[in-house]
Amino acid sequence: MDVYRCPGCGHFAPVEAEAPSVHGCPGCGGAVSAEGDPQAVSLAALGEAIRAAPIPLLVEFWAPDCEPCLASGVVLDAVGHRLAGDAVVLRIDVEENPEATEAYGVLAVPTVVLFSAGRERGRRVGPLQARTLEQWVRTADAPRPVA
């Protein structure tokens, strides 16, 4: 079963893989798309998503006047679509939410942070490659070898 996030209320909804691409949210009844489009969030919504997400979250801290951020947005769109149901891509505008940079220790944009099981698993700053991000997310909860 795949999991998607309702852009209206933030509820994480399990969806049958064979079901149509738009489903009703069990939280608010709104449409939940299975396309994997990145979703814009506020600082409060981000905190709640990190706490509640049953799947990995890839979060981009970005600014609309930042050229590298615009380029990374295209990459994150592609990654979000390829990982739809297995991970959720969120975007937080640091100009609209300036307190997010301090709350998450972001020193430059674009910064992409991977969260899984309520914890930060790593971050990347600067230019991004879709294949590298996708692999990073897919191995977020992979068991680490014991030394």
C-alpha atoms as a PDB file:
ATOM      1  CA  MET A   1       0.000   0.000   0.000  1.00  0.00           C
ATOM      2  CA  ASP A   2       1.271   3.474  -0.903  1.00  0.00           C
ATOM      3  CA  VAL A   3       1.059   6.510   1.407  1.00  0.00           C
ATOM      4  CA  TYR A   4       0.288  10.070   0.324  1.00  0.00           C
ATOM      5  CA  ARG A   5      -0.059  13.376   2.192  1.00  0.00           C
ATOM      6  CA  CYS A   6      -3.234  15.428   1.876  1.00  0.00           C
ATOM      7  CA  PRO A   7      -2.216  18.953   0.847  1.00  0.00           C
ATOM      8  CA  GLY A   8      -5.335  20.328   2.558  1.00  0.00           C
ATOM      9  CA  CYS A   9      -5.044  18.993   6.101  1.00  0.00           C
ATOM     10  CA  GLY A  10      -1.641  17.253   6.128  1.00  0.00           C
ATOM     11  CA  HIS A  11      -3.100  13.826   6.954  1.00  0.00           C
ATOM     12  CA  PHE A  12      -1.057  10.864   5.685  1.00  0.00           C
ATOM     13  CA  ALA A  13      -3.393   8.560   3.798  1.00  0.00           C
ATOM     14  CA  PRO A  14      -2.701   4.960   2.802  1.00  0.00           C
ATOM     15  CA  VAL A  15      -3.977   4.287  -0.721  1.00  0.00           C
ATOM     16  CA  GLU A  16      -4.370   1.020  -2.611  1.00  0.00           C
ATOM     17  CA  ALA A  17      -1.869   0.931  -5.489  1.00  0.00           C
ATOM     18  CA  GLU A  18      -4.580  -0.167  -7.938  1.00  0.00           C
ATOM     19  CA  ALA A  19      -6.964   2.674  -7.001  1.00  0.00           C
ATOM     20  CA  PRO A  20      -7.510   5.757  -9.189  1.00  0.00           C
ATOM     21  CA  SER A  21      -5.016   8.615  -8.966  1.00  0.00           C
ATOM     22  CA  VAL A  22      -7.191  10.920  -6.845  1.00  0.00           C
ATOM     23  CA  HIS A  23      -8.612   9.720  -3.546  1.00  0.00           C
ATOM     24  CA  GLY A  24     -10.597  11.203  -0.710  1.00  0.00           C
ATOM     25  CA  CYS A  25      -8.629  12.123   2.398  1.00  0.00           C
ATOM     26  CA  PRO A  26      -9.841  10.253   5.472  1.00  0.00           C
ATOM     27  CA  GLY A  27      -9.008  13.364   7.531  1.00  0.00           C
ATOM     28  CA  CYS A  28     -10.832  16.141   5.644  1.00  0.00           C
ATOM     29  CA  GLY A  29     -12.436  14.478   2.622  1.00  0.00           C
ATOM     30  CA  GLY A  30     -10.346  16.567   0.207  1.00  0.00           C
ATOM     31  CA  ALA A  31      -8.548  15.191  -2.834  1.00  0.00           C
ATOM     32  CA  VAL A  32      -5.282  13.336  -2.280  1.00  0.00           C
ATOM     33  CA  SER A  33      -3.237  13.058  -5.442  1.00  0.00           C
ATOM     34  CA  ALA A  34      -1.040  10.052  -6.092  1.00  0.00           C
ATOM     35  CA  GLU A  35       1.181  12.044  -8.469  1.00  0.00           C
ATOM     36  CA  GLY A  36       3.849  12.927  -5.884  1.00  0.00           C
ATOM     37  CA  ASP A  37       3.962  16.665  -6.569  1.00  0.00           C
ATOM     38  CA  PRO A  38       6.027  18.565  -3.980  1.00  0.00           C
ATOM     39  CA  GLN A  39       3.822  20.370  -1.469  1.00  0.00           C
ATOM     40  CA  ALA A  40       4.420  23.817   0.017  1.00  0.00           C
ATOM     41  CA  VAL A  41       4.233  23.864   3.823  1.00  0.00           C
ATOM     42  CA  SER A  42       4.446  26.305   6.711  1.00  0.00           C
ATOM     43  CA  LEU A  43       6.808  25.842   9.644  1.00  0.00           C
ATOM     44  CA  ALA A  44       4.002  24.412  11.808  1.00  0.00           C
ATOM     45  CA  ALA A  45       2.855  22.019   9.073  1.00  0.00           C
ATOM     46  CA  LEU A  46       6.442  20.883   8.546  1.00  0.00           C
ATOM     47  CA  GLY A  47       6.884  20.032  12.216  1.00  0.00           C
ATOM     48  CA  GLU A  48       3.649  18.049  12.238  1.00  0.00           C
ATOM     49  CA  ALA A  49       4.571  16.215   9.023  1.00  0.00           C
ATOM     50  CA  ILE A  50       7.952  15.202  10.456  1.00  0.00           C
ATOM     51  CA  ARG A  51       6.262  13.833  13.591  1.00  0.00           C
ATOM     52  CA  ALA A  52       3.460  11.997  11.750  1.00  0.00           C
ATOM     53  CA  ALA A  53       5.027  10.749   8.508  1.00  0.00           C
ATOM     54  CA  PRO A  54       5.017   6.958   8.157  1.00  0.00           C
ATOM     55  CA  ILE A  55       7.313   7.284   5.120  1.00  0.00           C
ATOM     56  CA  PRO A  56      10.458   9.374   4.433  1.00  0.00           C
ATOM     57  CA  LEU A  57      10.117  13.123   3.870  1.00  0.00           C
ATOM     58  CA  LEU A  58      12.408  15.054   1.565  1.00  0.00           C
ATOM     59  CA  VAL A  59      12.177  18.730   2.570  1.00  0.00           C
ATOM     60  CA  GLU A  60      13.556  21.581   0.501  1.00  0.00           C
ATOM     61  CA  PHE A  61      14.281  24.909   2.173  1.00  0.00           C
ATOM     62  CA  TRP A  62      14.202  27.430  -0.667  1.00  0.00           C
ATOM     63  CA  ALA A  63      13.593  31.060  -1.667  1.00  0.00           C
ATOM     64  CA  PRO A  64      11.730  32.302  -4.748  1.00  0.00           C
ATOM     65  CA  ASP A  65      14.494  34.743  -5.755  1.00  0.00           C
ATOM     66  CA  CYS A  66      17.222  32.071  -5.594  1.00  0.00           C
ATOM     67  CA  GLU A  67      18.290  30.775  -9.035  1.00  0.00           C
ATOM     68  CA  PRO A  68      19.763  27.485  -7.719  1.00  0.00           C
ATOM     69  CA  CYS A  69      16.513  26.943  -5.800  1.00  0.00           C
ATOM     70  CA  LEU A  70      14.497  27.192  -9.008  1.00  0.00           C
ATOM     71  CA  ALA A  71      16.748  24.607 -10.645  1.00  0.00           C
ATOM     72  CA  SER A  72      16.528  22.255  -7.654  1.00  0.00           C
ATOM     73  CA  GLY A  73      12.741  22.622  -7.731  1.00  0.00           C
ATOM     74  CA  VAL A  74      12.690  20.941 -11.147  1.00  0.00           C
ATOM     75  CA  VAL A  75      14.803  18.074  -9.794  1.00  0.00           C
ATOM     76  CA  LEU A  76      12.563  17.690  -6.734  1.00  0.00           C
ATOM     77  CA  ASP A  77       9.470  17.590  -8.949  1.00  0.00           C
ATOM     78  CA  ALA A  78      10.956  14.623 -10.807  1.00  0.00           C
ATOM     79  CA  VAL A  79      12.035  12.882  -7.602  1.00  0.00           C
ATOM     80  CA  GLY A  80       8.621  13.429  -6.019  1.00  0.00           C
ATOM     81  CA  HIS A  81       6.901  11.817  -8.991  1.00  0.00           C
ATOM     82  CA  ARG A  82       9.269   8.832  -9.053  1.00  0.00           C
ATOM     83  CA  LEU A  83       8.965   8.250  -5.300  1.00  0.00           C
ATOM     84  CA  ALA A  84       5.201   8.862  -5.121  1.00  0.00           C
ATOM     85  CA  GLY A  85       3.721   6.612  -2.467  1.00  0.00           C
ATOM     86  CA  ASP A  86       7.124   5.730  -0.983  1.00  0.00           C
ATOM     87  CA  ALA A  87       8.171   9.242   0.135  1.00  0.00           C
ATOM     88  CA  VAL A  88       6.752  12.774   0.254  1.00  0.00           C
ATOM     89  CA  VAL A  89       8.506  15.906  -1.001  1.00  0.00           C
ATOM     90  CA  LEU A  90       7.765  19.117   0.905  1.00  0.00           C
ATOM     91  CA  ARG A  91       8.994  22.644   0.191  1.00  0.00           C
ATOM     92  CA  ILE A  92       9.253  25.482   2.691  1.00  0.00           C
ATOM     93  CA  ASP A  93       9.789  29.054   1.474  1.00  0.00           C
ATOM     94  CA  VAL A  94      12.286  30.635   3.880  1.00  0.00           C
ATOM     95  CA  GLU A  95      11.185  34.139   2.900  1.00  0.00           C
ATOM     96  CA  GLU A  96       7.615  33.379   4.028  1.00  0.00           C
ATOM     97  CA  ASN A  97       8.869  31.312   6.984  1.00  0.00           C
ATOM     98  CA  PRO A  98      12.163  32.942   8.059  1.00  0.00           C
ATOM     99  CA  GLU A  99      12.070  31.196  11.440  1.00  0.00           C
ATOM    100  CA  ALA A 100      12.437  27.846   9.625  1.00  0.00           C
ATOM    101  CA  THR A 101      16.126  28.478   8.945  1.00  0.00           C
ATOM    102  CA  GLU A 102      16.895  28.820  12.638  1.00  0.00           C
ATOM    103  CA  ALA A 103      14.565  26.000  13.679  1.00  0.00           C
ATOM    104  CA  TYR A 104      16.282  23.545  11.310  1.00  0.00           C
ATOM    105  CA  GLY A 105      19.800  25.010  11.212  1.00  0.00           C
ATOM    106  CA  VAL A 106      19.639  25.972   7.539  1.00  0.00           C
ATOM    107  CA  LEU A 107      22.512  28.286   6.592  1.00  0.00           C
ATOM    108  CA  ALA A 108      22.050  28.455   2.799  1.00  0.00           C
ATOM    109  CA  VAL A 109      19.418  27.730   0.176  1.00  0.00           C
ATOM    110  CA  PRO A 110      18.651  25.453  -1.431  1.00  0.00           C
ATOM    111  CA  THR A 111      19.051  22.930   1.368  1.00  0.00           C
ATOM    112  CA  VAL A 112      17.334  19.563   1.186  1.00  0.00           C
ATOM    113  CA  VAL A 113      16.856  17.620   4.419  1.00  0.00           C
ATOM    114  CA  LEU A 114      15.802  13.987   4.607  1.00  0.00           C
ATOM    115  CA  PHE A 115      13.608  12.980   7.553  1.00  0.00           C
ATOM    116  CA  SER A 116      12.578   9.440   8.380  1.00  0.00           C
ATOM    117  CA  ALA A 117      10.876   8.040  11.486  1.00  0.00           C
ATOM    118  CA  GLY A 118      10.713  11.564  12.946  1.00  0.00           C
ATOM    119  CA  ARG A 119      14.464  12.182  12.739  1.00  0.00           C
ATOM    120  CA  GLU A 120      16.801  13.990  10.397  1.00  0.00           C
ATOM    121  CA  ARG A 121      18.806  11.458   8.373  1.00  0.00           C
ATOM    122  CA  GLY A 122      20.981  13.924   6.475  1.00  0.00           C
ATOM    123  CA  ARG A 123      21.058  17.041   4.329  1.00  0.00           C
ATOM    124  CA  ARG A 124      22.361  18.291   1.018  1.00  0.00           C
ATOM    125  CA  VAL A 125      23.167  21.915   0.156  1.00  0.00           C
ATOM    126  CA  GLY A 126      23.404  23.291  -3.363  1.00  0.00           C
ATOM    127  CA  PRO A 127      22.851  21.655  -6.751  1.00  0.00           C
ATOM    128  CA  LEU A 128      21.007  18.356  -6.757  1.00  0.00           C
ATOM    129  CA  GLN A 129      20.859  15.296  -8.993  1.00  0.00           C
ATOM    130  CA  ALA A 130      17.599  13.354  -9.195  1.00  0.00           C
ATOM    131  CA  ARG A 131      19.188   9.907  -9.227  1.00  0.00           C
ATOM    132  CA  THR A 132      21.349  10.669  -6.178  1.00  0.00           C
ATOM    133  CA  LEU A 133      18.380  12.050  -4.208  1.00  0.00           C
ATOM    134  CA  GLU A 134      16.182   9.106  -5.135  1.00  0.00           C
ATOM    135  CA  GLN A 135      18.825   6.607  -3.968  1.00  0.00           C
ATOM    136  CA  TRP A 136      19.368   8.594  -0.772  1.00  0.00           C
ATOM    137  CA  VAL A 137      15.656   8.476   0.082  1.00  0.00           C
ATOM    138  CA  ARG A 138      15.288   4.786  -0.790  1.00  0.00           C
ATOM    139  CA  THR A 139      18.087   3.874   1.633  1.00  0.00           C
ATOM    140  CA  ALA A 140      16.965   6.192   4.472  1.00  0.00           C
ATOM    141  CA  ASP A 141      15.853   3.337   6.705  1.00  0.00           C
ATOM    142  CA  ALA A 142      18.201   0.673   5.371  1.00  0.00           C
ATOM    143  CA  PRO A 143      19.877  -1.264   8.178  1.00  0.00           C
ATOM    144  CA  ARG A 144      23.455  -0.200   8.747  1.00  0.00           C
ATOM    145  CA  PRO A 145      26.097  -2.910   9.044  1.00  0.00           C
ATOM    146  CA  VAL A 146      27.371  -3.567  12.550  1.00  0.00           C
ATOM    147  CA  ALA A 147      31.110  -2.913  12.827  1.00  0.00           C
END
